[in-house]
N, C-alpha and C. Protein backbone atom coordinates (compact mmCIF):
# COMPACT_ATOMS: atom_id res chain seq x y z
N MET A 1 8.05 -1.71 -7.00
CA MET A 1 9.22 -1.48 -6.17
C MET A 1 10.15 -0.52 -6.90
N THR A 2 10.54 0.57 -6.23
CA THR A 2 11.35 1.60 -6.87
C THR A 2 12.53 1.93 -5.98
N HIS A 3 13.74 1.97 -6.57
CA HIS A 3 14.95 2.32 -5.84
C HIS A 3 15.49 3.62 -6.42
N LEU A 4 15.69 4.64 -5.57
CA LEU A 4 16.17 5.93 -6.02
C LEU A 4 17.43 6.30 -5.25
N LEU A 5 18.34 7.02 -5.90
CA LEU A 5 19.63 7.31 -5.30
C LEU A 5 19.64 8.58 -4.45
N THR A 6 19.09 9.67 -4.97
CA THR A 6 19.19 10.95 -4.28
C THR A 6 17.90 11.33 -3.58
N GLY A 7 18.03 12.25 -2.63
CA GLY A 7 16.85 12.74 -1.93
C GLY A 7 15.89 13.46 -2.85
N GLN A 8 16.42 14.25 -3.79
CA GLN A 8 15.55 14.98 -4.71
C GLN A 8 14.79 14.03 -5.61
N ASP A 9 15.44 12.93 -6.02
CA ASP A 9 14.74 11.92 -6.81
C ASP A 9 13.56 11.36 -6.02
N GLY A 10 13.79 11.14 -4.71
CA GLY A 10 12.74 10.61 -3.86
C GLY A 10 11.57 11.57 -3.73
N ILE A 11 11.86 12.86 -3.58
CA ILE A 11 10.81 13.87 -3.47
C ILE A 11 10.00 13.93 -4.75
N ASP A 12 10.70 13.95 -5.89
CA ASP A 12 10.01 14.04 -7.18
C ASP A 12 9.12 12.82 -7.42
N ARG A 13 9.66 11.63 -7.12
CA ARG A 13 8.87 10.41 -7.31
C ARG A 13 7.76 10.30 -6.30
N GLY A 14 8.00 10.79 -5.09
CA GLY A 14 6.99 10.72 -4.03
C GLY A 14 5.73 11.50 -4.35
N LYS A 15 5.85 12.53 -5.17
CA LYS A 15 4.69 13.33 -5.54
C LYS A 15 3.65 12.51 -6.32
N LYS A 16 4.12 11.45 -6.97
CA LYS A 16 3.22 10.61 -7.76
C LYS A 16 2.46 9.62 -6.90
N GLY A 17 2.97 9.36 -5.68
CA GLY A 17 2.29 8.43 -4.77
C GLY A 17 2.35 6.99 -5.25
N GLY A 18 1.46 6.17 -4.69
CA GLY A 18 1.37 4.78 -5.10
C GLY A 18 2.22 3.81 -4.31
N PHE A 19 2.80 4.26 -3.18
CA PHE A 19 3.64 3.38 -2.37
C PHE A 19 2.87 2.84 -1.17
N CYS A 20 3.23 1.61 -0.76
CA CYS A 20 2.66 1.05 0.48
C CYS A 20 3.66 1.16 1.62
N LEU A 21 4.92 1.46 1.30
CA LEU A 21 5.98 1.60 2.30
C LEU A 21 7.11 2.41 1.69
N MET A 22 7.73 3.27 2.50
CA MET A 22 8.88 4.05 2.03
C MET A 22 10.05 3.83 2.98
N LEU A 23 11.22 3.52 2.41
CA LEU A 23 12.45 3.32 3.17
C LEU A 23 13.42 4.43 2.81
N PHE A 24 13.90 5.15 3.81
CA PHE A 24 14.83 6.25 3.57
C PHE A 24 16.18 5.97 4.22
N ASP A 25 17.25 6.04 3.44
CA ASP A 25 18.58 6.01 4.03
C ASP A 25 18.81 7.38 4.67
N VAL A 26 19.39 7.39 5.87
CA VAL A 26 19.64 8.66 6.54
C VAL A 26 20.64 9.49 5.76
N PHE A 27 21.67 8.84 5.22
CA PHE A 27 22.71 9.57 4.49
C PHE A 27 22.54 9.36 3.00
N LEU A 28 22.22 10.46 2.28
CA LEU A 28 22.02 10.44 0.84
C LEU A 28 23.04 11.39 0.19
N PRO A 29 23.28 11.25 -1.11
CA PRO A 29 24.28 12.10 -1.76
C PRO A 29 24.01 13.59 -1.67
N ASP A 30 22.74 14.00 -1.65
CA ASP A 30 22.44 15.43 -1.70
C ASP A 30 21.78 15.99 -0.45
N MET A 31 21.20 15.15 0.39
CA MET A 31 20.55 15.60 1.63
C MET A 31 20.36 14.38 2.52
N ASN A 32 19.82 14.61 3.72
CA ASN A 32 19.58 13.43 4.56
C ASN A 32 18.13 12.98 4.46
N GLY A 33 17.89 11.75 4.87
CA GLY A 33 16.56 11.16 4.74
C GLY A 33 15.49 11.89 5.50
N PHE A 34 15.86 12.49 6.63
CA PHE A 34 14.88 13.22 7.43
C PHE A 34 14.33 14.43 6.67
N ASP A 35 15.23 15.12 5.95
CA ASP A 35 14.80 16.28 5.16
C ASP A 35 13.90 15.85 4.00
N VAL A 36 14.20 14.70 3.42
CA VAL A 36 13.37 14.19 2.33
C VAL A 36 11.96 13.89 2.85
N PHE A 37 11.88 13.22 3.99
CA PHE A 37 10.59 12.89 4.57
C PHE A 37 9.81 14.15 4.91
N ALA A 38 10.49 15.14 5.48
CA ALA A 38 9.83 16.40 5.83
C ALA A 38 9.27 17.08 4.59
N ALA A 39 10.04 17.06 3.50
CA ALA A 39 9.58 17.69 2.26
C ALA A 39 8.38 16.96 1.68
N MET A 40 8.38 15.63 1.78
CA MET A 40 7.30 14.84 1.20
C MET A 40 6.00 15.00 1.99
N LYS A 41 6.10 15.35 3.25
CA LYS A 41 4.89 15.56 4.06
C LYS A 41 4.04 16.70 3.52
N ASN A 42 4.68 17.62 2.79
CA ASN A 42 3.96 18.79 2.28
C ASN A 42 2.94 18.44 1.20
N PHE A 43 3.11 17.31 0.53
CA PHE A 43 2.17 16.96 -0.54
C PHE A 43 1.55 15.59 -0.35
N GLN A 44 1.69 15.00 0.84
CA GLN A 44 1.06 13.72 1.11
C GLN A 44 -0.18 13.92 1.97
N ASP A 45 -1.15 13.04 1.77
CA ASP A 45 -2.38 13.16 2.54
C ASP A 45 -2.27 12.36 3.83
N ALA A 46 -3.37 12.30 4.57
CA ALA A 46 -3.39 11.62 5.86
C ALA A 46 -3.15 10.12 5.72
N GLU A 47 -3.37 9.58 4.53
CA GLU A 47 -3.21 8.14 4.31
C GLU A 47 -1.83 7.81 3.74
N SER A 48 -0.84 8.67 4.02
CA SER A 48 0.50 8.43 3.48
C SER A 48 1.06 7.12 4.03
N PRO A 49 1.91 6.45 3.25
CA PRO A 49 2.43 5.15 3.65
C PRO A 49 3.40 5.26 4.83
N PRO A 50 3.61 4.16 5.56
CA PRO A 50 4.57 4.18 6.67
C PRO A 50 5.98 4.40 6.16
N VAL A 51 6.82 4.98 7.02
CA VAL A 51 8.21 5.30 6.66
C VAL A 51 9.16 4.65 7.67
N VAL A 52 10.23 4.05 7.16
CA VAL A 52 11.27 3.47 7.99
C VAL A 52 12.61 4.01 7.54
N PHE A 53 13.45 4.43 8.49
CA PHE A 53 14.78 4.94 8.17
C PHE A 53 15.83 3.85 8.29
N LEU A 54 16.88 3.95 7.44
CA LEU A 54 17.98 2.99 7.43
C LEU A 54 19.30 3.75 7.58
N SER A 55 20.25 3.15 8.30
CA SER A 55 21.57 3.77 8.38
C SER A 55 22.59 2.76 8.89
N GLY A 56 23.85 2.96 8.48
CA GLY A 56 24.92 2.10 8.94
C GLY A 56 25.49 2.54 10.27
N THR A 57 25.09 3.73 10.73
CA THR A 57 25.52 4.24 12.03
C THR A 57 24.30 4.75 12.78
N VAL A 58 24.37 4.75 14.10
CA VAL A 58 23.25 5.22 14.89
C VAL A 58 23.75 5.91 16.15
N ASP A 59 23.09 6.99 16.53
CA ASP A 59 23.39 7.68 17.78
C ASP A 59 22.07 8.21 18.33
N GLU A 60 22.11 8.81 19.50
CA GLU A 60 20.89 9.27 20.15
C GLU A 60 20.18 10.34 19.33
N GLU A 61 20.95 11.21 18.66
CA GLU A 61 20.33 12.26 17.84
C GLU A 61 19.54 11.64 16.68
N THR A 62 20.12 10.61 16.03
CA THR A 62 19.43 9.95 14.93
C THR A 62 18.13 9.30 15.41
N MET A 63 18.21 8.62 16.54
CA MET A 63 17.02 7.96 17.07
C MET A 63 15.96 8.99 17.46
N GLN A 64 16.38 10.12 18.03
CA GLN A 64 15.43 11.16 18.42
C GLN A 64 14.77 11.77 17.19
N ARG A 65 15.54 12.02 16.15
CA ARG A 65 14.98 12.58 14.92
C ARG A 65 14.00 11.60 14.28
N THR A 66 14.30 10.31 14.39
CA THR A 66 13.38 9.30 13.88
C THR A 66 12.05 9.38 14.61
N ARG A 67 12.11 9.46 15.93
CA ARG A 67 10.88 9.55 16.73
C ARG A 67 10.13 10.84 16.42
N ASP A 68 10.85 11.96 16.36
CA ASP A 68 10.22 13.26 16.12
C ASP A 68 9.59 13.36 14.73
N SER A 69 10.13 12.63 13.77
CA SER A 69 9.65 12.71 12.38
C SER A 69 8.28 12.07 12.20
N GLY A 70 7.93 11.16 13.11
CA GLY A 70 6.67 10.43 12.95
C GLY A 70 6.83 9.16 12.16
N ALA A 71 8.09 8.74 11.89
CA ALA A 71 8.33 7.51 11.15
C ALA A 71 7.98 6.30 12.00
N SER A 72 7.80 5.16 11.36
CA SER A 72 7.46 3.93 12.07
C SER A 72 8.63 3.37 12.84
N GLY A 73 9.85 3.68 12.41
CA GLY A 73 11.01 3.17 13.13
C GLY A 73 12.29 3.30 12.35
N PHE A 74 13.32 2.59 12.85
CA PHE A 74 14.68 2.71 12.34
C PHE A 74 15.29 1.31 12.25
N ILE A 75 16.05 1.02 11.18
CA ILE A 75 16.73 -0.26 11.03
C ILE A 75 18.21 0.01 10.79
N LEU A 76 19.05 -0.66 11.57
CA LEU A 76 20.49 -0.49 11.46
C LEU A 76 21.06 -1.41 10.39
N LYS A 77 21.89 -0.88 9.51
CA LYS A 77 22.57 -1.67 8.48
C LYS A 77 23.97 -2.06 8.97
N PRO A 78 24.56 -3.13 8.41
CA PRO A 78 23.99 -4.06 7.42
C PRO A 78 23.13 -5.12 8.11
N PHE A 79 22.35 -5.81 7.31
CA PHE A 79 21.48 -6.86 7.84
C PHE A 79 21.18 -7.86 6.74
N ALA A 80 20.88 -9.08 7.11
CA ALA A 80 20.47 -10.10 6.15
C ALA A 80 19.04 -9.82 5.73
N PRO A 81 18.66 -10.15 4.50
CA PRO A 81 17.30 -9.91 4.03
C PRO A 81 16.23 -10.48 4.96
N GLU A 82 16.47 -11.70 5.52
CA GLU A 82 15.48 -12.31 6.40
C GLU A 82 15.29 -11.48 7.66
N SER A 83 16.42 -10.98 8.22
CA SER A 83 16.33 -10.14 9.41
C SER A 83 15.64 -8.83 9.10
N PHE A 84 15.90 -8.33 7.91
CA PHE A 84 15.27 -7.09 7.46
C PHE A 84 13.75 -7.25 7.43
N LEU A 85 13.28 -8.37 6.88
CA LEU A 85 11.84 -8.60 6.80
C LEU A 85 11.22 -8.77 8.19
N LEU A 86 11.92 -9.48 9.07
CA LEU A 86 11.41 -9.66 10.43
C LEU A 86 11.29 -8.32 11.15
N ARG A 87 12.28 -7.45 10.95
CA ARG A 87 12.23 -6.14 11.59
C ARG A 87 11.10 -5.30 10.99
N LEU A 88 10.91 -5.39 9.69
CA LEU A 88 9.81 -4.66 9.06
C LEU A 88 8.48 -5.14 9.60
N ARG A 89 8.35 -6.45 9.83
CA ARG A 89 7.11 -6.99 10.40
C ARG A 89 6.80 -6.36 11.75
N GLU A 90 7.84 -6.14 12.54
CA GLU A 90 7.66 -5.54 13.85
C GLU A 90 7.24 -4.08 13.75
N LEU A 91 7.85 -3.37 12.81
CA LEU A 91 7.60 -1.92 12.69
C LEU A 91 6.32 -1.59 11.94
N VAL A 92 6.03 -2.34 10.87
CA VAL A 92 4.85 -2.05 10.05
C VAL A 92 4.09 -3.34 9.76
N PRO A 93 3.52 -3.97 10.77
CA PRO A 93 2.84 -5.26 10.58
C PRO A 93 1.66 -5.19 9.62
N GLN A 94 1.12 -3.98 9.39
CA GLN A 94 -0.06 -3.85 8.53
C GLN A 94 0.23 -4.19 7.08
N ILE A 95 1.50 -4.14 6.66
CA ILE A 95 1.79 -4.46 5.25
C ILE A 95 2.25 -5.90 5.09
N PHE A 96 2.34 -6.65 6.20
CA PHE A 96 2.72 -8.05 6.15
C PHE A 96 1.68 -8.89 6.87
N PRO A 97 0.56 -9.16 6.24
CA PRO A 97 -0.48 -9.96 6.89
C PRO A 97 0.02 -11.36 7.19
N GLY A 98 -0.43 -11.93 8.27
CA GLY A 98 -0.05 -13.30 8.63
C GLY A 98 0.96 -13.33 9.74
N SER A 99 1.34 -14.49 10.17
CA SER A 99 2.26 -14.67 11.29
C SER A 99 3.69 -14.41 10.88
N SER A 100 4.50 -13.88 11.80
CA SER A 100 5.91 -13.64 11.53
C SER A 100 6.66 -14.94 11.35
N LYS A 101 6.07 -16.06 11.73
CA LYS A 101 6.71 -17.36 11.56
C LYS A 101 6.69 -17.81 10.10
N ASP A 102 5.96 -17.07 9.27
CA ASP A 102 5.86 -17.45 7.86
C ASP A 102 6.96 -16.82 7.01
N ILE A 103 8.11 -16.53 7.62
CA ILE A 103 9.16 -15.78 6.93
C ILE A 103 9.67 -16.49 5.70
N GLU A 104 9.56 -17.82 5.65
CA GLU A 104 10.06 -18.58 4.51
C GLU A 104 8.98 -18.82 3.46
N SER A 105 7.90 -18.10 3.55
CA SER A 105 6.80 -18.29 2.61
C SER A 105 7.23 -17.92 1.19
N ASP A 106 6.53 -18.48 0.21
CA ASP A 106 6.85 -18.19 -1.19
C ASP A 106 6.71 -16.71 -1.48
N ARG A 107 5.73 -16.09 -0.86
CA ARG A 107 5.49 -14.66 -1.12
C ARG A 107 6.69 -13.83 -0.69
N GLU A 108 7.26 -14.16 0.46
CA GLU A 108 8.38 -13.37 0.95
C GLU A 108 9.67 -13.70 0.22
N LYS A 109 9.82 -14.96 -0.19
CA LYS A 109 10.98 -15.32 -1.00
C LYS A 109 10.94 -14.56 -2.32
N LYS A 110 9.76 -14.46 -2.88
CA LYS A 110 9.59 -13.72 -4.13
C LYS A 110 9.93 -12.25 -3.92
N PHE A 111 9.50 -11.72 -2.77
CA PHE A 111 9.78 -10.32 -2.44
C PHE A 111 11.29 -10.08 -2.38
N LEU A 112 12.01 -10.99 -1.70
CA LEU A 112 13.45 -10.86 -1.58
C LEU A 112 14.13 -10.93 -2.95
N GLY A 113 13.67 -11.84 -3.80
CA GLY A 113 14.24 -11.97 -5.13
C GLY A 113 14.00 -10.72 -5.97
N GLU A 114 12.80 -10.18 -5.88
CA GLU A 114 12.47 -8.97 -6.62
C GLU A 114 13.28 -7.78 -6.10
N LEU A 115 13.46 -7.73 -4.78
CA LEU A 115 14.21 -6.64 -4.17
C LEU A 115 15.65 -6.63 -4.67
N ARG A 116 16.28 -7.81 -4.69
CA ARG A 116 17.66 -7.90 -5.16
C ARG A 116 17.76 -7.63 -6.66
N GLY A 117 16.80 -8.13 -7.43
CA GLY A 117 16.80 -7.89 -8.87
C GLY A 117 16.64 -6.42 -9.21
N GLU A 118 15.73 -5.76 -8.49
CA GLU A 118 15.51 -4.33 -8.71
C GLU A 118 16.76 -3.54 -8.33
N TYR A 119 17.38 -3.93 -7.24
CA TYR A 119 18.60 -3.27 -6.78
C TYR A 119 19.70 -3.36 -7.83
N ILE A 120 19.92 -4.55 -8.37
CA ILE A 120 20.95 -4.76 -9.39
C ILE A 120 20.66 -3.93 -10.64
N THR A 121 19.40 -3.93 -11.06
CA THR A 121 19.02 -3.18 -12.26
C THR A 121 19.23 -1.68 -12.07
N GLU A 122 18.81 -1.17 -10.90
CA GLU A 122 18.94 0.27 -10.64
C GLU A 122 20.40 0.69 -10.61
N TRP A 123 21.24 -0.10 -9.95
CA TRP A 123 22.65 0.27 -9.88
C TRP A 123 23.34 0.13 -11.23
N LEU A 124 22.91 -0.82 -12.03
CA LEU A 124 23.47 -0.94 -13.36
C LEU A 124 23.16 0.31 -14.17
N GLU A 125 21.99 0.86 -13.97
CA GLU A 125 21.61 2.09 -14.67
C GLU A 125 22.34 3.31 -14.11
N MET A 126 22.73 3.25 -12.83
CA MET A 126 23.38 4.41 -12.20
C MET A 126 24.90 4.42 -12.37
N MET A 127 25.48 3.29 -12.76
CA MET A 127 26.94 3.23 -12.87
C MET A 127 27.51 4.25 -13.87
N PRO A 128 26.88 4.48 -15.04
CA PRO A 128 27.40 5.51 -15.93
C PRO A 128 27.43 6.89 -15.27
N GLU A 129 26.46 7.15 -14.40
CA GLU A 129 26.44 8.42 -13.68
C GLU A 129 27.62 8.52 -12.72
N MET A 130 27.91 7.40 -12.03
CA MET A 130 29.07 7.38 -11.14
C MET A 130 30.36 7.61 -11.92
N GLU A 131 30.50 6.93 -13.06
CA GLU A 131 31.70 7.07 -13.88
C GLU A 131 31.85 8.50 -14.39
N SER A 132 30.73 9.09 -14.80
CA SER A 132 30.77 10.46 -15.30
C SER A 132 31.14 11.44 -14.19
N ALA A 133 30.58 11.24 -13.00
CA ALA A 133 30.89 12.10 -11.86
C ALA A 133 32.37 12.00 -11.49
N PHE A 134 32.89 10.79 -11.54
CA PHE A 134 34.31 10.58 -11.21
C PHE A 134 35.20 11.28 -12.23
N GLU A 135 34.89 11.10 -13.50
CA GLU A 135 35.68 11.73 -14.55
C GLU A 135 35.61 13.26 -14.47
N GLY A 136 34.47 13.76 -13.95
CA GLY A 136 34.31 15.21 -13.81
C GLY A 136 34.86 15.77 -12.52
N GLY A 137 35.50 14.92 -11.72
CA GLY A 137 36.12 15.39 -10.49
C GLY A 137 35.15 15.61 -9.34
N ARG A 138 33.95 15.06 -9.44
CA ARG A 138 32.96 15.22 -8.36
C ARG A 138 33.15 14.07 -7.35
N TYR A 139 34.28 14.12 -6.68
CA TYR A 139 34.68 12.99 -5.84
C TYR A 139 33.81 12.84 -4.59
N GLU A 140 33.31 13.93 -4.06
CA GLU A 140 32.45 13.83 -2.87
C GLU A 140 31.15 13.10 -3.22
N TYR A 141 30.62 13.39 -4.39
CA TYR A 141 29.40 12.73 -4.83
C TYR A 141 29.64 11.23 -5.04
N VAL A 142 30.78 10.90 -5.65
CA VAL A 142 31.11 9.49 -5.86
C VAL A 142 31.31 8.80 -4.52
N SER A 143 31.90 9.50 -3.57
CA SER A 143 32.12 8.93 -2.24
C SER A 143 30.79 8.63 -1.56
N GLN A 144 29.80 9.49 -1.75
CA GLN A 144 28.47 9.24 -1.20
C GLN A 144 27.82 8.03 -1.84
N MET A 145 28.01 7.89 -3.15
CA MET A 145 27.49 6.70 -3.84
C MET A 145 28.18 5.44 -3.33
N ALA A 146 29.48 5.54 -3.06
CA ALA A 146 30.24 4.40 -2.54
C ALA A 146 29.73 4.03 -1.15
N HIS A 147 29.42 5.03 -0.34
CA HIS A 147 28.86 4.78 1.00
C HIS A 147 27.53 4.05 0.88
N ASN A 148 26.73 4.46 -0.09
CA ASN A 148 25.44 3.81 -0.34
C ASN A 148 25.65 2.35 -0.72
N LEU A 149 26.63 2.10 -1.58
CA LEU A 149 26.93 0.73 -1.99
C LEU A 149 27.38 -0.12 -0.80
N ALA A 150 28.25 0.43 0.02
CA ALA A 150 28.78 -0.31 1.17
C ALA A 150 27.67 -0.76 2.10
N GLY A 151 26.69 0.12 2.32
CA GLY A 151 25.60 -0.24 3.22
C GLY A 151 24.59 -1.16 2.58
N SER A 152 24.23 -0.88 1.35
CA SER A 152 23.18 -1.66 0.69
C SER A 152 23.68 -3.02 0.23
N GLY A 153 24.98 -3.15 -0.03
CA GLY A 153 25.51 -4.44 -0.46
C GLY A 153 25.30 -5.52 0.57
N GLY A 154 25.45 -5.16 1.83
CA GLY A 154 25.21 -6.12 2.90
C GLY A 154 23.76 -6.52 2.98
N THR A 155 22.89 -5.55 2.79
CA THR A 155 21.46 -5.82 2.82
C THR A 155 21.06 -6.82 1.75
N MET A 156 21.66 -6.68 0.57
CA MET A 156 21.32 -7.55 -0.56
C MET A 156 22.17 -8.81 -0.63
N GLU A 157 22.97 -9.05 0.42
CA GLU A 157 23.85 -10.23 0.48
C GLU A 157 24.78 -10.28 -0.73
N LEU A 158 25.39 -9.14 -1.03
CA LEU A 158 26.38 -9.03 -2.11
C LEU A 158 27.69 -8.55 -1.47
N PRO A 159 28.45 -9.46 -0.87
CA PRO A 159 29.66 -9.07 -0.12
C PRO A 159 30.68 -8.31 -0.95
N PHE A 160 30.78 -8.63 -2.25
CA PHE A 160 31.73 -7.89 -3.08
C PHE A 160 31.39 -6.41 -3.11
N ILE A 161 30.09 -6.11 -3.23
CA ILE A 161 29.66 -4.71 -3.29
C ILE A 161 29.91 -4.00 -1.96
N THR A 162 29.68 -4.69 -0.85
CA THR A 162 29.95 -4.10 0.46
C THR A 162 31.43 -3.72 0.58
N LYS A 163 32.32 -4.67 0.25
CA LYS A 163 33.76 -4.42 0.35
C LYS A 163 34.21 -3.37 -0.66
N ALA A 164 33.67 -3.45 -1.88
CA ALA A 164 34.08 -2.50 -2.92
C ALA A 164 33.64 -1.08 -2.58
N GLY A 165 32.44 -0.94 -2.01
CA GLY A 165 31.96 0.39 -1.62
C GLY A 165 32.85 1.02 -0.56
N ARG A 166 33.21 0.22 0.43
CA ARG A 166 34.10 0.72 1.49
C ARG A 166 35.47 1.08 0.94
N LYS A 167 36.00 0.19 0.10
CA LYS A 167 37.33 0.44 -0.48
C LYS A 167 37.32 1.67 -1.38
N LEU A 168 36.26 1.86 -2.15
CA LEU A 168 36.18 3.02 -3.03
C LEU A 168 36.16 4.31 -2.24
N SER A 169 35.41 4.34 -1.15
CA SER A 169 35.39 5.54 -0.29
C SER A 169 36.79 5.84 0.22
N GLU A 170 37.49 4.78 0.62
CA GLU A 170 38.86 4.94 1.15
C GLU A 170 39.81 5.45 0.08
N LEU A 171 39.72 4.91 -1.11
CA LEU A 171 40.61 5.32 -2.20
C LEU A 171 40.38 6.77 -2.60
N ILE A 172 39.12 7.17 -2.64
CA ILE A 172 38.81 8.56 -3.00
C ILE A 172 39.31 9.51 -1.92
N HIS A 173 39.11 9.13 -0.67
CA HIS A 173 39.59 9.96 0.44
C HIS A 173 41.10 10.13 0.37
N GLN A 174 41.81 9.07 -0.02
CA GLN A 174 43.27 9.12 -0.13
C GLN A 174 43.74 9.66 -1.48
N ARG A 175 42.79 9.97 -2.35
CA ARG A 175 43.06 10.48 -3.71
C ARG A 175 43.92 9.51 -4.52
N GLN A 176 43.71 8.22 -4.32
CA GLN A 176 44.33 7.21 -5.16
C GLN A 176 43.40 6.96 -6.34
N LEU A 177 43.41 7.92 -7.26
CA LEU A 177 42.38 7.98 -8.29
C LEU A 177 42.49 6.89 -9.35
N GLU A 178 43.69 6.46 -9.68
CA GLU A 178 43.82 5.38 -10.68
C GLU A 178 43.22 4.08 -10.14
N LYS A 179 43.50 3.78 -8.88
CA LYS A 179 42.93 2.57 -8.27
C LYS A 179 41.42 2.71 -8.13
N ALA A 180 40.97 3.93 -7.81
CA ALA A 180 39.53 4.17 -7.67
C ALA A 180 38.82 3.95 -9.01
N ALA A 181 39.42 4.45 -10.09
CA ALA A 181 38.83 4.29 -11.42
C ALA A 181 38.74 2.82 -11.79
N SER A 182 39.79 2.06 -11.47
CA SER A 182 39.79 0.63 -11.76
C SER A 182 38.70 -0.09 -10.96
N LEU A 183 38.53 0.30 -9.71
CA LEU A 183 37.51 -0.35 -8.87
C LEU A 183 36.11 -0.02 -9.36
N ILE A 184 35.90 1.20 -9.82
CA ILE A 184 34.59 1.57 -10.36
C ILE A 184 34.26 0.70 -11.57
N ARG A 185 35.25 0.46 -12.42
CA ARG A 185 35.02 -0.41 -13.58
C ARG A 185 34.68 -1.84 -13.13
N SER A 186 35.34 -2.29 -12.07
CA SER A 186 35.07 -3.64 -11.56
C SER A 186 33.65 -3.74 -10.99
N ILE A 187 33.22 -2.69 -10.32
CA ILE A 187 31.86 -2.67 -9.77
C ILE A 187 30.83 -2.71 -10.91
N HIS A 188 31.10 -1.93 -11.95
CA HIS A 188 30.20 -1.91 -13.10
C HIS A 188 30.12 -3.29 -13.74
N SER A 189 31.28 -3.93 -13.91
CA SER A 189 31.31 -5.28 -14.50
C SER A 189 30.56 -6.28 -13.63
N PHE A 190 30.66 -6.12 -12.32
CA PHE A 190 29.96 -7.02 -11.40
C PHE A 190 28.45 -6.92 -11.61
N PHE A 191 27.94 -5.71 -11.70
CA PHE A 191 26.50 -5.54 -11.88
C PHE A 191 26.04 -6.07 -13.24
N ILE A 192 26.87 -5.91 -14.27
CA ILE A 192 26.52 -6.47 -15.57
C ILE A 192 26.42 -7.99 -15.47
N SER A 193 27.39 -8.61 -14.79
CA SER A 193 27.40 -10.06 -14.62
C SER A 193 26.18 -10.53 -13.84
N GLU A 194 25.85 -9.82 -12.75
CA GLU A 194 24.71 -10.20 -11.93
C GLU A 194 23.40 -10.03 -12.70
N ALA A 195 23.31 -8.99 -13.51
CA ALA A 195 22.10 -8.76 -14.30
C ALA A 195 21.92 -9.88 -15.33
N ASN A 196 23.01 -10.30 -15.96
CA ASN A 196 22.93 -11.41 -16.91
C ASN A 196 22.53 -12.71 -16.22
N LYS A 197 23.08 -12.92 -15.02
CA LYS A 197 22.74 -14.10 -14.24
C LYS A 197 21.26 -14.09 -13.86
N LYS A 198 20.78 -12.91 -13.47
CA LYS A 198 19.38 -12.77 -13.10
C LYS A 198 18.47 -13.04 -14.28
N SER A 199 18.90 -12.57 -15.46
CA SER A 199 18.11 -12.80 -16.67
C SER A 199 18.03 -14.29 -16.98
N SER A 200 19.15 -15.01 -16.80
CA SER A 200 19.17 -16.45 -17.05
C SER A 200 18.26 -17.18 -16.06
N GLU A 201 18.29 -16.75 -14.78
CA GLU A 201 17.45 -17.38 -13.76
C GLU A 201 15.98 -17.18 -14.08
N THR A 202 15.65 -15.98 -14.57
CA THR A 202 14.26 -15.68 -14.92
C THR A 202 13.79 -16.60 -16.04
N THR A 203 14.66 -16.79 -17.04
CA THR A 203 14.31 -17.66 -18.16
C THR A 203 14.13 -19.11 -17.69
N ILE A 204 15.04 -19.57 -16.84
CA ILE A 204 14.96 -20.93 -16.32
C ILE A 204 13.68 -21.12 -15.52
N ASN A 205 13.35 -20.15 -14.66
CA ASN A 205 12.14 -20.24 -13.85
C ASN A 205 10.89 -20.26 -14.72
N PHE A 206 10.93 -19.48 -15.80
CA PHE A 206 9.78 -19.43 -16.72
C PHE A 206 9.58 -20.81 -17.36
N VAL A 207 10.68 -21.41 -17.82
CA VAL A 207 10.60 -22.73 -18.45
C VAL A 207 10.12 -23.77 -17.43
N GLN A 208 10.65 -23.72 -16.23
CA GLN A 208 10.25 -24.68 -15.19
C GLN A 208 8.77 -24.55 -14.86
N ASP A 209 8.28 -23.31 -14.80
CA ASP A 209 6.86 -23.10 -14.51
C ASP A 209 5.99 -23.67 -15.63
N LYS A 210 6.44 -23.48 -16.88
CA LYS A 210 5.69 -24.00 -18.01
C LYS A 210 5.64 -25.53 -17.99
N LEU A 211 6.80 -26.15 -17.68
CA LEU A 211 6.84 -27.61 -17.60
C LEU A 211 5.97 -28.12 -16.46
N LYS A 212 5.97 -27.41 -15.35
CA LYS A 212 5.16 -27.81 -14.20
C LYS A 212 3.68 -27.76 -14.57
N ASP A 213 3.27 -26.68 -15.24
CA ASP A 213 1.87 -26.54 -15.67
C ASP A 213 1.48 -27.66 -16.63
N LYS A 214 2.42 -27.97 -17.54
CA LYS A 214 2.14 -29.02 -18.52
C LYS A 214 1.98 -30.38 -17.84
N ASN A 215 2.87 -30.67 -16.88
CA ASN A 215 2.80 -31.94 -16.16
C ASN A 215 1.52 -32.05 -15.34
N GLU A 216 1.10 -30.94 -14.73
CA GLU A 216 -0.12 -30.95 -13.94
C GLU A 216 -1.34 -31.20 -14.82
N LYS A 217 -1.31 -30.60 -16.02
CA LYS A 217 -2.46 -30.81 -16.95
C LYS A 217 -2.49 -32.26 -17.41
N ASN A 218 -1.31 -32.84 -17.68
CA ASN A 218 -1.27 -34.24 -18.14
C ASN A 218 -1.74 -35.20 -17.04
N SER A 219 -1.40 -34.88 -15.79
CA SER A 219 -1.80 -35.75 -14.68
C SER A 219 -3.29 -35.68 -14.41
N ASP A 220 -3.92 -34.59 -14.83
CA ASP A 220 -5.38 -34.44 -14.62
C ASP A 220 -6.18 -35.19 -15.67
N ARG A 221 -5.52 -35.61 -16.73
CA ARG A 221 -6.27 -36.27 -17.81
C ARG A 221 -6.53 -37.74 -17.47
């Protein structure tokens, strides 16, 4: 599972292949998702993975471009992870074998956990870039990153990130830069806290699995 911020990052990574599904946000910091998909078609073979577009806004032009692109479909943000999976099942059933009623299966719960963990890790790595861009006066780029946060925070059930992303966009638009800088630091701290929490959960799960295996072996004796 790979999360990338810019369209160019997606094109560069897409050249390596190895995906079973690609999700493109329509609005990216450097280009739109449709242009990224069009560029990737130039080096993908006939067996390229299915593509689904995501956006917090939708109009007839967006829907028409989705159809014309050859993508599997479109998902409107924000959405709960469970709803996201159900919609994916409808659009690309080939990557989700089994009945849609199995949404609470261990496999899908694991998928959701990995998705959120990967998201937190990727944004933790990207926060220094946001801070550097802000300090360098690249406010439009930071605003695009904030838009990305606002949309993706809802998807990952992180309400603080959704609200912070929206507020950051507003502050930058109003050029309230001191408040914007403070909010960026708060966002960074949030991701650090969530990453530490995720690390603790991973350790706890590992210990629980070991104890479960040990108990099962003892019961077999």
